[in-house]
Amino acid sequence: FLRTIELFEDLTDDQMAHVLMVGMVKRYRAESVILTEGTASGR
């Protein structure tokens, strides 16, 4: 999926593995807050 996104399409397999290791997939239910205005996420 990430390879279809412009931001990630040129990553090598090692770089993609790094992104996947440091990234975290989280599931949110409808109407759940993901980010709040004024609260830094750094992501």
PDB file of all heavy atoms in Angstrom:
ATOM      1  N   PHE A   1       0.830  -1.203   0.000  1.00  0.00           N
ATOM      2  CA  PHE A   1       0.000   0.000   0.000  1.00  0.00           C
ATOM      3  C   PHE A   1       0.869   1.260   0.000  1.00  0.00           C
ATOM      4  O   PHE A   1       0.642   2.193  -0.771  1.00  0.00           O
ATOM      5  CB  PHE A   1      -0.929  -0.016   1.212  1.00  0.00           C
ATOM      6  CG  PHE A   1      -1.642   1.281   1.445  1.00  0.00           C
ATOM      7  CD1 PHE A   1      -2.688   1.667   0.628  1.00  0.00           C
ATOM      8  CD2 PHE A   1      -1.251   2.123   2.476  1.00  0.00           C
ATOM      9  CE1 PHE A   1      -3.347   2.869   0.830  1.00  0.00           C
ATOM     10  CE2 PHE A   1      -1.905   3.327   2.692  1.00  0.00           C
ATOM     11  CZ  PHE A   1      -2.946   3.696   1.864  1.00  0.00           C
ATOM     12  N   LEU A   2       1.882   1.307   0.862  1.00  0.00           N
ATOM     13  CA  LEU A   2       2.746   2.491   0.950  1.00  0.00           C
ATOM     14  C   LEU A   2       3.481   2.748  -0.359  1.00  0.00           C
ATOM     15  O   LEU A   2       3.743   3.896  -0.714  1.00  0.00           O
ATOM     16  CB  LEU A   2       3.741   2.356   2.099  1.00  0.00           C
ATOM     17  CG  LEU A   2       3.148   2.449   3.499  1.00  0.00           C
ATOM     18  CD1 LEU A   2       4.229   2.235   4.555  1.00  0.00           C
ATOM     19  CD2 LEU A   2       2.435   3.775   3.720  1.00  0.00           C
ATOM     20  N   ARG A   3       3.805   1.713  -1.083  1.00  0.00           N
ATOM     21  CA  ARG A   3       4.505   1.890  -2.368  1.00  0.00           C
ATOM     22  C   ARG A   3       3.625   2.619  -3.393  1.00  0.00           C
ATOM     23  O   ARG A   3       4.127   3.127  -4.376  1.00  0.00           O
ATOM     24  CB  ARG A   3       4.945   0.552  -2.926  1.00  0.00           C
ATOM     25  CG  ARG A   3       6.025  -0.085  -2.080  1.00  0.00           C
ATOM     26  CD  ARG A   3       7.167  -0.587  -2.924  1.00  0.00           C
ATOM     27  NE  ARG A   3       8.171  -1.204  -2.087  1.00  0.00           N
ATOM     28  CZ  ARG A   3       9.249  -0.564  -1.620  1.00  0.00           C
ATOM     29  NH1 ARG A   3       9.452   0.684  -1.929  1.00  0.00           N
ATOM     30  NH2 ARG A   3      10.126  -1.189  -0.866  1.00  0.00           N
ATOM     31  N   THR A   4       2.319   2.669  -3.166  1.00  0.00           N
ATOM     32  CA  THR A   4       1.427   3.378  -4.089  1.00  0.00           C
ATOM     33  C   THR A   4       1.317   4.862  -3.745  1.00  0.00           C
ATOM     34  O   THR A   4       0.678   5.616  -4.474  1.00  0.00           O
ATOM     35  CB  THR A   4       0.010   2.762  -4.068  1.00  0.00           C
ATOM     36  OG1 THR A   4      -0.597   3.001  -2.791  1.00  0.00           O
ATOM     37  CG2 THR A   4       0.046   1.274  -4.372  1.00  0.00           C
ATOM     38  N   ILE A   5       1.920   5.272  -2.635  1.00  0.00           N
ATOM     39  CA  ILE A   5       1.834   6.662  -2.175  1.00  0.00           C
ATOM     40  C   ILE A   5       3.102   7.402  -2.562  1.00  0.00           C
ATOM     41  O   ILE A   5       4.217   6.928  -2.305  1.00  0.00           O
ATOM     42  CB  ILE A   5       1.618   6.704  -0.643  1.00  0.00           C
ATOM     43  CG1 ILE A   5       0.310   5.996  -0.300  1.00  0.00           C
ATOM     44  CG2 ILE A   5       1.620   8.143  -0.126  1.00  0.00           C
ATOM     45  CD1 ILE A   5       0.127   5.766   1.175  1.00  0.00           C
ATOM     46  N   GLU A   6       2.940   8.541  -3.180  1.00  0.00           N
ATOM     47  CA  GLU A   6       4.062   9.330  -3.687  1.00  0.00           C
ATOM     48  C   GLU A   6       5.165   9.525  -2.650  1.00  0.00           C
ATOM     49  O   GLU A   6       6.355   9.447  -2.962  1.00  0.00           O
ATOM     50  CB  GLU A   6       3.532  10.684  -4.162  1.00  0.00           C
ATOM     51  CG  GLU A   6       4.563  11.588  -4.757  1.00  0.00           C
ATOM     52  CD  GLU A   6       3.984  12.908  -5.220  1.00  0.00           C
ATOM     53  OE1 GLU A   6       2.921  13.318  -4.723  1.00  0.00           O
ATOM     54  OE2 GLU A   6       4.617  13.542  -6.077  1.00  0.00           O
ATOM     55  N   LEU A   7       4.806   9.744  -1.429  1.00  0.00           N
ATOM     56  CA  LEU A   7       5.767  10.006  -0.365  1.00  0.00           C
ATOM     57  C   LEU A   7       6.720   8.832  -0.138  1.00  0.00           C
ATOM     58  O   LEU A   7       7.865   9.014   0.259  1.00  0.00           O
ATOM     59  CB  LEU A   7       5.003  10.318   0.924  1.00  0.00           C
ATOM     60  CG  LEU A   7       5.782  10.818   2.118  1.00  0.00           C
ATOM     61  CD1 LEU A   7       6.475  12.143   1.808  1.00  0.00           C
ATOM     62  CD2 LEU A   7       4.852  11.000   3.309  1.00  0.00           C
ATOM     63  N   PHE A   8       6.282   7.616  -0.418  1.00  0.00           N
ATOM     64  CA  PHE A   8       7.064   6.423  -0.103  1.00  0.00           C
ATOM     65  C   PHE A   8       7.471   5.591  -1.307  1.00  0.00           C
ATOM     66  O   PHE A   8       8.193   4.608  -1.161  1.00  0.00           O
ATOM     67  CB  PHE A   8       6.274   5.520   0.851  1.00  0.00           C
ATOM     68  CG  PHE A   8       5.868   6.207   2.110  1.00  0.00           C
ATOM     69  CD1 PHE A   8       4.560   6.644   2.284  1.00  0.00           C
ATOM     70  CD2 PHE A   8       6.779   6.454   3.119  1.00  0.00           C
ATOM     71  CE1 PHE A   8       4.175   7.295   3.445  1.00  0.00           C
ATOM     72  CE2 PHE A   8       6.412   7.105   4.280  1.00  0.00           C
ATOM     73  CZ  PHE A   8       5.104   7.529   4.446  1.00  0.00           C
ATOM     74  N   GLU A   9       7.031   5.958  -2.494  1.00  0.00           N
ATOM     75  CA  GLU A   9       7.197   5.080  -3.648  1.00  0.00           C
ATOM     76  C   GLU A   9       8.650   4.803  -4.031  1.00  0.00           C
ATOM     77  O   GLU A   9       8.935   3.777  -4.641  1.00  0.00           O
ATOM     78  CB  GLU A   9       6.424   5.625  -4.853  1.00  0.00           C
ATOM     79  CG  GLU A   9       6.940   6.944  -5.374  1.00  0.00           C
ATOM     80  CD  GLU A   9       6.039   7.546  -6.445  1.00  0.00           C
ATOM     81  OE1 GLU A   9       4.984   6.963  -6.752  1.00  0.00           O
ATOM     82  OE2 GLU A   9       6.403   8.605  -6.960  1.00  0.00           O
ATOM     83  N   ASP A  10       9.585   5.680  -3.673  1.00  0.00           N
ATOM     84  CA  ASP A  10      10.977   5.485  -4.069  1.00  0.00           C
ATOM     85  C   ASP A  10      11.865   4.897  -2.979  1.00  0.00           C
ATOM     86  O   ASP A  10      13.079   4.834  -3.129  1.00  0.00           O
ATOM     87  CB  ASP A  10      11.573   6.820  -4.537  1.00  0.00           C
ATOM     88  CG  ASP A  10      10.946   7.293  -5.836  1.00  0.00           C
ATOM     89  OD1 ASP A  10      10.633   6.442  -6.700  1.00  0.00           O
ATOM     90  OD2 ASP A  10      10.758   8.513  -5.993  1.00  0.00           O
ATOM     91  N   LEU A  11      11.279   4.453  -1.889  1.00  0.00           N
ATOM     92  CA  LEU A  11      12.074   3.874  -0.817  1.00  0.00           C
ATOM     93  C   LEU A  11      12.600   2.493  -1.213  1.00  0.00           C
ATOM     94  O   LEU A  11      11.905   1.726  -1.871  1.00  0.00           O
ATOM     95  CB  LEU A  11      11.247   3.730   0.465  1.00  0.00           C
ATOM     96  CG  LEU A  11      10.722   4.999   1.112  1.00  0.00           C
ATOM     97  CD1 LEU A  11       9.987   4.646   2.410  1.00  0.00           C
ATOM     98  CD2 LEU A  11      11.820   6.001   1.376  1.00  0.00           C
ATOM     99  N   THR A  12      13.831   2.209  -0.804  1.00  0.00           N
ATOM    100  CA  THR A  12      14.362   0.859  -0.992  1.00  0.00           C
ATOM    101  C   THR A  12      13.648  -0.064  -0.011  1.00  0.00           C
ATOM    102  O   THR A  12      12.964   0.400   0.914  1.00  0.00           O
ATOM    103  CB  THR A  12      15.875   0.816  -0.702  1.00  0.00           C
ATOM    104  OG1 THR A  12      16.073   1.108   0.685  1.00  0.00           O
ATOM    105  CG2 THR A  12      16.639   1.799  -1.575  1.00  0.00           C
ATOM    106  N   ASP A  13      13.843  -1.359  -0.179  1.00  0.00           N
ATOM    107  CA  ASP A  13      13.229  -2.317   0.745  1.00  0.00           C
ATOM    108  C   ASP A  13      13.707  -2.076   2.175  1.00  0.00           C
ATOM    109  O   ASP A  13      12.909  -2.154   3.115  1.00  0.00           O
ATOM    110  CB  ASP A  13      13.524  -3.757   0.320  1.00  0.00           C
ATOM    111  CG  ASP A  13      12.772  -4.160  -0.941  1.00  0.00           C
ATOM    112  OD1 ASP A  13      11.776  -3.487  -1.297  1.00  0.00           O
ATOM    113  OD2 ASP A  13      13.180  -5.152  -1.583  1.00  0.00           O
ATOM    114  N   ASP A  14      14.991  -1.780   2.354  1.00  0.00           N
ATOM    115  CA  ASP A  14      15.523  -1.510   3.693  1.00  0.00           C
ATOM    116  C   ASP A  14      14.902  -0.256   4.302  1.00  0.00           C
ATOM    117  O   ASP A  14      14.564  -0.230   5.484  1.00  0.00           O
ATOM    118  CB  ASP A  14      17.049  -1.353   3.660  1.00  0.00           C
ATOM    119  CG  ASP A  14      17.768  -2.678   3.477  1.00  0.00           C
ATOM    120  OD1 ASP A  14      17.126  -3.740   3.667  1.00  0.00           O
ATOM    121  OD2 ASP A  14      18.970  -2.645   3.148  1.00  0.00           O
ATOM    122  N   GLN A  15      14.762   0.788   3.494  1.00  0.00           N
ATOM    123  CA  GLN A  15      14.160   2.030   3.992  1.00  0.00           C
ATOM    124  C   GLN A  15      12.694   1.817   4.336  1.00  0.00           C
ATOM    125  O   GLN A  15      12.213   2.323   5.350  1.00  0.00           O
ATOM    126  CB  GLN A  15      14.331   3.147   2.959  1.00  0.00           C
ATOM    127  CG  GLN A  15      15.770   3.569   2.815  1.00  0.00           C
ATOM    128  CD  GLN A  15      16.016   4.371   1.553  1.00  0.00           C
ATOM    129  OE1 GLN A  15      15.285   4.250   0.562  1.00  0.00           O
ATOM    130  NE2 GLN A  15      17.044   5.199   1.576  1.00  0.00           N
ATOM    131  N   MET A  16      11.997   1.067   3.508  1.00  0.00           N
ATOM    132  CA  MET A  16      10.595   0.774   3.787  1.00  0.00           C
ATOM    133  C   MET A  16      10.483  -0.035   5.076  1.00  0.00           C
ATOM    134  O   MET A  16       9.606   0.235   5.909  1.00  0.00           O
ATOM    135  CB  MET A  16       9.957   0.018   2.623  1.00  0.00           C
ATOM    136  CG  MET A  16       8.484  -0.249   2.811  1.00  0.00           C
ATOM    137  SD  MET A  16       7.465   1.252   2.846  1.00  0.00           S
ATOM    138  CE  MET A  16       7.424   1.646   1.107  1.00  0.00           C
ATOM    139  N   ALA A  17      11.380  -0.989   5.262  1.00  0.00           N
ATOM    140  CA  ALA A  17      11.369  -1.780   6.492  1.00  0.00           C
ATOM    141  C   ALA A  17      11.590  -0.879   7.700  1.00  0.00           C
ATOM    142  O   ALA A  17      10.944  -1.047   8.741  1.00  0.00           O
ATOM    143  CB  ALA A  17      12.446  -2.868   6.425  1.00  0.00           C
ATOM    144  N   HIS A  18      12.474   0.112   7.554  1.00  0.00           N
ATOM    145  CA  HIS A  18      12.727   1.054   8.648  1.00  0.00           C
ATOM    146  C   HIS A  18      11.464   1.853   8.972  1.00  0.00           C
ATOM    147  O   HIS A  18      11.099   2.006  10.135  1.00  0.00           O
ATOM    148  CB  HIS A  18      13.885   1.992   8.294  1.00  0.00           C
ATOM    149  CG  HIS A  18      14.191   2.991   9.344  1.00  0.00           C
ATOM    150  ND1 HIS A  18      14.863   2.665  10.499  1.00  0.00           N
ATOM    151  CD2 HIS A  18      13.894   4.305   9.436  1.00  0.00           C
ATOM    152  CE1 HIS A  18      14.975   3.735  11.251  1.00  0.00           C
ATOM    153  NE2 HIS A  18      14.394   4.750  10.624  1.00  0.00           N
ATOM    154  N   VAL A  19      10.797   2.353   7.945  1.00  0.00           N
ATOM    155  CA  VAL A  19       9.556   3.114   8.144  1.00  0.00           C
ATOM    156  C   VAL A  19       8.527   2.252   8.865  1.00  0.00           C
ATOM    157  O   VAL A  19       7.870   2.703   9.808  1.00  0.00           O
ATOM    158  CB  VAL A  19       8.997   3.640   6.796  1.00  0.00           C
ATOM    159  CG1 VAL A  19       7.564   4.134   6.943  1.00  0.00           C
ATOM    160  CG2 VAL A  19       9.888   4.735   6.241  1.00  0.00           C
ATOM    161  N   LEU A  20       8.407   1.017   8.450  1.00  0.00           N
ATOM    162  CA  LEU A  20       7.426   0.119   9.066  1.00  0.00           C
ATOM    163  C   LEU A  20       7.804  -0.239  10.504  1.00  0.00           C
ATOM    164  O   LEU A  20       6.928  -0.440  11.344  1.00  0.00           O
ATOM    165  CB  LEU A  20       7.242  -1.133   8.217  1.00  0.00           C
ATOM    166  CG  LEU A  20       6.604  -0.877   6.852  1.00  0.00           C
ATOM    167  CD1 LEU A  20       6.646  -2.133   5.992  1.00  0.00           C
ATOM    168  CD2 LEU A  20       5.188  -0.363   6.992  1.00  0.00           C
ATOM    169  N   MET A  21       9.112  -0.291  10.797  1.00  0.00           N
ATOM    170  CA  MET A  21       9.541  -0.595  12.168  1.00  0.00           C
ATOM    171  C   MET A  21       9.271   0.568  13.116  1.00  0.00           C
ATOM    172  O   MET A  21       8.896   0.361  14.261  1.00  0.00           O
ATOM    173  CB  MET A  21      11.039  -0.926  12.199  1.00  0.00           C
ATOM    174  CG  MET A  21      11.335  -2.347  11.799  1.00  0.00           C
ATOM    175  SD  MET A  21      13.025  -2.895  12.148  1.00  0.00           S
ATOM    176  CE  MET A  21      14.038  -1.471  11.861  1.00  0.00           C
ATOM    177  N   VAL A  22       9.468   1.807  12.626  1.00  0.00           N
ATOM    178  CA  VAL A  22       9.301   2.974  13.510  1.00  0.00           C
ATOM    179  C   VAL A  22       7.871   3.508  13.484  1.00  0.00           C
ATOM    180  O   VAL A  22       7.463   4.237  14.379  1.00  0.00           O
ATOM    181  CB  VAL A  22      10.292   4.104  13.167  1.00  0.00           C
ATOM    182  CG1 VAL A  22      11.714   3.619  13.332  1.00  0.00           C
ATOM    183  CG2 VAL A  22      10.049   4.665  11.768  1.00  0.00           C
ATOM    184  N   GLY A  23       7.132   3.141  12.449  1.00  0.00           N
ATOM    185  CA  GLY A  23       5.743   3.579  12.357  1.00  0.00           C
ATOM    186  C   GLY A  23       4.841   2.662  13.165  1.00  0.00           C
ATOM    187  O   GLY A  23       5.222   1.550  13.538  1.00  0.00           O
ATOM    188  N   MET A  24       3.657   3.173  13.438  1.00  0.00           N
ATOM    189  CA  MET A  24       2.704   2.373  14.193  1.00  0.00           C
ATOM    190  C   MET A  24       1.326   2.543  13.546  1.00  0.00           C
ATOM    191  O   MET A  24       0.878   3.665  13.304  1.00  0.00           O
ATOM    192  CB  MET A  24       2.641   2.851  15.643  1.00  0.00           C
ATOM    193  CG  MET A  24       1.689   2.030  16.493  1.00  0.00           C
ATOM    194  SD  MET A  24       1.732   2.457  18.239  1.00  0.00           S
ATOM    195  CE  MET A  24       1.007   4.069  18.229  1.00  0.00           C
ATOM    196  N   VAL A  25       0.687   1.424  13.247  1.00  0.00           N
ATOM    197  CA  VAL A  25      -0.671   1.462  12.705  1.00  0.00           C
ATOM    198  C   VAL A  25      -1.636   1.381  13.877  1.00  0.00           C
ATOM    199  O   VAL A  25      -1.506   0.526  14.750  1.00  0.00           O
ATOM    200  CB  VAL A  25      -0.928   0.304  11.720  1.00  0.00           C
ATOM    201  CG1 VAL A  25      -2.376   0.318  11.247  1.00  0.00           C
ATOM    202  CG2 VAL A  25       0.020   0.375  10.538  1.00  0.00           C
ATOM    203  N   LYS A  26      -2.566   2.297  13.882  1.00  0.00           N
ATOM    204  CA  LYS A  26      -3.570   2.306  14.940  1.00  0.00           C
ATOM    205  C   LYS A  26      -4.959   2.342  14.299  1.00  0.00           C
ATOM    206  O   LYS A  26      -5.174   3.050  13.324  1.00  0.00           O
ATOM    207  CB  LYS A  26      -3.377   3.515  15.860  1.00  0.00           C
ATOM    208  CG  LYS A  26      -4.300   3.484  17.058  1.00  0.00           C
ATOM    209  CD  LYS A  26      -3.937   4.538  18.081  1.00  0.00           C
ATOM    210  CE  LYS A  26      -4.905   4.450  19.247  1.00  0.00           C
ATOM    211  NZ  LYS A  26      -4.701   5.510  20.199  1.00  0.00           N
ATOM    212  N   ARG A  27      -5.871   1.596  14.882  1.00  0.00           N
ATOM    213  CA  ARG A  27      -7.259   1.578  14.407  1.00  0.00           C
ATOM    214  C   ARG A  27      -8.073   2.553  15.249  1.00  0.00           C
ATOM    215  O   ARG A  27      -7.966   2.569  16.470  1.00  0.00           O
ATOM    216  CB  ARG A  27      -7.847   0.186  14.531  1.00  0.00           C
ATOM    217  CG  ARG A  27      -9.361   0.182  14.227  1.00  0.00           C
ATOM    218  CD  ARG A  27      -9.839  -1.123  13.825  1.00  0.00           C
ATOM    219  NE  ARG A  27      -9.379  -1.303  12.453  1.00  0.00           N
ATOM    220  CZ  ARG A  27      -9.520  -2.423  11.773  1.00  0.00           C
ATOM    221  NH1 ARG A  27     -10.072  -3.463  12.315  1.00  0.00           N
ATOM    222  NH2 ARG A  27      -9.087  -2.517  10.540  1.00  0.00           N
ATOM    223  N   TYR A  28      -8.848   3.378  14.571  1.00  0.00           N
ATOM    224  CA  TYR A  28      -9.726   4.336  15.236  1.00  0.00           C
ATOM    225  C   TYR A  28     -11.160   4.027  14.850  1.00  0.00           C
ATOM    226  O   TYR A  28     -11.458   3.796  13.676  1.00  0.00           O
ATOM    227  CB  TYR A  28      -9.391   5.769  14.804  1.00  0.00           C
ATOM    228  CG  TYR A  28      -8.036   6.228  15.240  1.00  0.00           C
ATOM    229  CD1 TYR A  28      -6.927   6.041  14.423  1.00  0.00           C
ATOM    230  CD2 TYR A  28      -7.847   6.853  16.459  1.00  0.00           C
ATOM    231  CE1 TYR A  28      -5.668   6.461  14.813  1.00  0.00           C
ATOM    232  CE2 TYR A  28      -6.589   7.287  16.866  1.00  0.00           C
ATOM    233  CZ  TYR A  28      -5.507   7.090  16.032  1.00  0.00           C
ATOM    234  OH  TYR A  28      -4.258   7.506  16.432  1.00  0.00           O
ATOM    235  N   ARG A  29     -12.036   4.045  15.809  1.00  0.00           N
ATOM    236  CA  ARG A  29     -13.468   3.894  15.561  1.00  0.00           C
ATOM    237  C   ARG A  29     -14.012   5.220  15.045  1.00  0.00           C
ATOM    238  O   ARG A  29     -13.498   6.287  15.380  1.00  0.00           O
ATOM    239  CB  ARG A  29     -14.198   3.521  16.849  1.00  0.00           C
ATOM    240  CG  ARG A  29     -13.824   2.170  17.361  1.00  0.00           C
ATOM    241  CD  ARG A  29     -14.872   1.192  16.872  1.00  0.00           C
ATOM    242  NE  ARG A  29     -14.604  -0.128  17.377  1.00  0.00           N
ATOM    243  CZ  ARG A  29     -14.637  -1.185  16.598  1.00  0.00           C
ATOM    244  NH1 ARG A  29     -14.922  -1.068  15.333  1.00  0.00           N
ATOM    245  NH2 ARG A  29     -14.410  -2.375  17.101  1.00  0.00           N
ATOM    246  N   ALA A  30     -15.079   5.165  14.276  1.00  0.00           N
ATOM    247  CA  ALA A  30     -15.718   6.387  13.765  1.00  0.00           C
ATOM    248  C   ALA A  30     -15.989   7.343  14.917  1.00  0.00           C
ATOM    249  O   ALA A  30     -16.420   6.933  15.994  1.00  0.00           O
ATOM    250  CB  ALA A  30     -17.016   6.037  13.046  1.00  0.00           C
ATOM    251  N   GLU A  31     -15.695   8.596  14.686  1.00  0.00           N
ATOM    252  CA  GLU A  31     -15.877   9.716  15.620  1.00  0.00           C
ATOM    253  C   GLU A  31     -14.796   9.798  16.707  1.00  0.00           C
ATOM    254  O   GLU A  31     -14.854  10.672  17.562  1.00  0.00           O
ATOM    255  CB  GLU A  31     -17.281   9.723  16.252  1.00  0.00           C
ATOM    256  CG  GLU A  31     -18.402   9.807  15.232  1.00  0.00           C
ATOM    257  CD  GLU A  31     -18.257  11.000  14.284  1.00  0.00           C
ATOM    258  OE1 GLU A  31     -17.932  12.116  14.738  1.00  0.00           O
ATOM    259  OE2 GLU A  31     -18.465  10.813  13.068  1.00  0.00           O
ATOM    260  N   SER A  32     -13.794   8.922  16.666  1.00  0.00           N
ATOM    261  CA  SER A  32     -12.677   9.013  17.607  1.00  0.00           C
ATOM    262  C   SER A  32     -11.743  10.140  17.182  1.00  0.00           C
ATOM    263  O   SER A  32     -11.506  10.353  15.992  1.00  0.00           O
ATOM    264  CB  SER A  32     -11.865   7.716  17.626  1.00  0.00           C
ATOM    265  OG  SER A  32     -12.646   6.637  18.058  1.00  0.00           O
ATOM    266  N   VAL A  33     -11.188  10.827  18.157  1.00  0.00           N
ATOM    267  CA  VAL A  33     -10.238  11.912  17.873  1.00  0.00           C
ATOM    268  C   VAL A  33      -8.872  11.302  17.599  1.00  0.00           C
ATOM    269  O   VAL A  33      -8.349  10.524  18.403  1.00  0.00           O
ATOM    270  CB  VAL A  33     -10.169  12.900  19.050  1.00  0.00           C
ATOM    271  CG1 VAL A  33      -9.102  13.947  18.807  1.00  0.00           C
ATOM    272  CG2 VAL A  33     -11.524  13.541  19.286  1.00  0.00           C
ATOM    273  N   ILE A  34      -8.298  11.671  16.465  1.00  0.00           N
ATOM    274  CA  ILE A  34      -6.955  11.211  16.093  1.00  0.00           C
ATOM    275  C   ILE A  34      -5.934  12.263  16.499  1.00  0.00           C
ATOM    276  O   ILE A  34      -4.913  11.954  17.099  1.00  0.00           O
ATOM    277  CB  ILE A  34      -6.873  10.907  14.584  1.00  0.00           C
ATOM    278  CG1 ILE A  34      -7.890   9.810  14.214  1.00  0.00           C
ATOM    279  CG2 ILE A  34      -5.447  10.505  14.198  1.00  0.00           C
ATOM    280  CD1 ILE A  34      -8.066   9.593  12.732  1.00  0.00           C
ATOM    281  N   LEU A  35      -6.209  13.516  16.162  1.00  0.00           N
ATOM    282  CA  LEU A  35      -5.361  14.650  16.544  1.00  0.00           C
ATOM    283  C   LEU A  35      -6.254  15.758  17.085  1.00  0.00           C
ATOM    284  O   LEU A  35      -7.344  15.983  16.570  1.00  0.00           O
ATOM    285  CB  LEU A  35      -4.607  15.225  15.340  1.00  0.00           C
ATOM    286  CG  LEU A  35      -3.424  14.473  14.781  1.00  0.00           C
ATOM    287  CD1 LEU A  35      -2.841  15.232  13.588  1.00  0.00           C
ATOM    288  CD2 LEU A  35      -2.359  14.250  15.818  1.00  0.00           C
ATOM    289  N   THR A  36      -5.735  16.450  18.076  1.00  0.00           N
ATOM    290  CA  THR A  36      -6.456  17.578  18.641  1.00  0.00           C
ATOM    291  C   THR A  36      -5.725  18.867  18.302  1.00  0.00           C
ATOM    292  O   THR A  36      -4.503  18.956  18.488  1.00  0.00           O
ATOM    293  CB  THR A  36      -6.562  17.434  20.176  1.00  0.00           C
ATOM    294  OG1 THR A  36      -7.223  16.200  20.468  1.00  0.00           O
ATOM    295  CG2 THR A  36      -7.331  18.582  20.788  1.00  0.00           C
ATOM    296  N   GLU A  37      -6.466  19.837  17.806  1.00  0.00           N
ATOM    297  CA  GLU A  37      -5.896  21.141  17.500  1.00  0.00           C
ATOM    298  C   GLU A  37      -5.126  21.656  18.717  1.00  0.00           C
ATOM    299  O   GLU A  37      -5.608  21.600  19.844  1.00  0.00           O
ATOM    300  CB  GLU A  37      -7.016  22.118  17.134  1.00  0.00           C
ATOM    301  CG  GLU A  37      -6.544  23.513  16.847  1.00  0.00           C
ATOM    302  CD  GLU A  37      -7.675  24.459  16.482  1.00  0.00           C
ATOM    303  OE1 GLU A  37      -8.832  24.006  16.371  1.00  0.00           O
ATOM    304  OE2 GLU A  37      -7.389  25.649  16.306  1.00  0.00           O
ATOM    305  N   GLY A  38      -3.907  22.128  18.468  1.00  0.00           N
ATOM    306  CA  GLY A  38      -3.103  22.698  19.541  1.00  0.00           C
ATOM    307  C   GLY A  38      -2.286  21.702  20.338  1.00  0.00           C
ATOM    308  O   GLY A  38      -1.490  22.089  21.182  1.00  0.00           O
ATOM    309  N   THR A  39      -2.438  20.410  20.050  1.00  0.00           N
ATOM    310  CA  THR A  39      -1.683  19.372  20.763  1.00  0.00           C
ATOM    311  C   THR A  39      -0.720  18.699  19.784  1.00  0.00           C
ATOM    312  O   THR A  39      -1.151  18.027  18.848  1.00  0.00           O
ATOM    313  CB  THR A  39      -2.633  18.321  21.369  1.00  0.00           C
ATOM    314  OG1 THR A  39      -3.559  18.976  22.237  1.00  0.00           O
ATOM    315  CG2 THR A  39      -1.864  17.274  22.154  1.00  0.00           C
ATOM    316  N   ALA A  40       0.557  18.895  20.005  1.00  0.00           N
ATOM    317  CA  ALA A  40       1.574  18.366  19.089  1.00  0.00           C
ATOM    318  C   ALA A  40       1.523  16.846  19.022  1.00  0.00           C
ATOM    319  O   ALA A  40       1.287  16.183  20.022  1.00  0.00           O
ATOM    320  CB  ALA A  40       2.959  18.813  19.525  1.00  0.00           C
ATOM    321  N   SER A  41       1.750  16.325  17.811  1.00  0.00           N
ATOM    322  CA  SER A  41       1.805  14.869  17.656  1.00  0.00           C
ATOM    323  C   SER A  41       3.209  14.412  17.273  1.00  0.00           C
ATOM    324  O   SER A  41       3.612  13.318  17.608  1.00  0.00           O
ATOM    325  CB  SER A  41       0.801  14.387  16.611  1.00  0.00           C
ATOM    326  OG  SER A  41       1.294  14.617  15.309  1.00  0.00           O
ATOM    327  N   GLY A  42       3.931  15.244  16.522  1.00  0.00           N
ATOM    328  CA  GLY A  42       5.280  14.883  16.108  1.00  0.00           C
ATOM    329  C   GLY A  42       5.327  13.738  15.116  1.00  0.00           C
ATOM    330  O   GLY A  42       6.336  13.053  15.003  1.00  0.00           O
ATOM    331  N   ARG A  43       4.240  13.567  14.363  1.00  0.00           N
ATOM    332  CA  ARG A  43       4.163  12.450  13.425  1.00  0.00           C
ATOM    333  C   ARG A  43       3.493  12.864  12.115  1.00  0.00           C
ATOM    334  O   ARG A  43       2.633  13.728  12.105  1.00  0.00           O
ATOM    335  CB  ARG A  43       3.353  11.304  14.032  1.00  0.00           C
ATOM    336  CG  ARG A  43       4.041  10.631  15.195  1.00  0.00           C
ATOM    337  CD  ARG A  43       3.115   9.627  15.880  1.00  0.00           C
ATOM    338  NE  ARG A  43       3.805   8.857  16.873  1.00  0.00           N
ATOM    339  CZ  ARG A  43       4.205   9.324  18.065  1.00  0.00           C
ATOM    340  NH1 ARG A  43       3.968  10.574  18.403  1.00  0.00           N
ATOM    341  NH2 ARG A  43       4.842   8.540  18.912  1.00  0.00           N
TER     342      ARG A  43
END
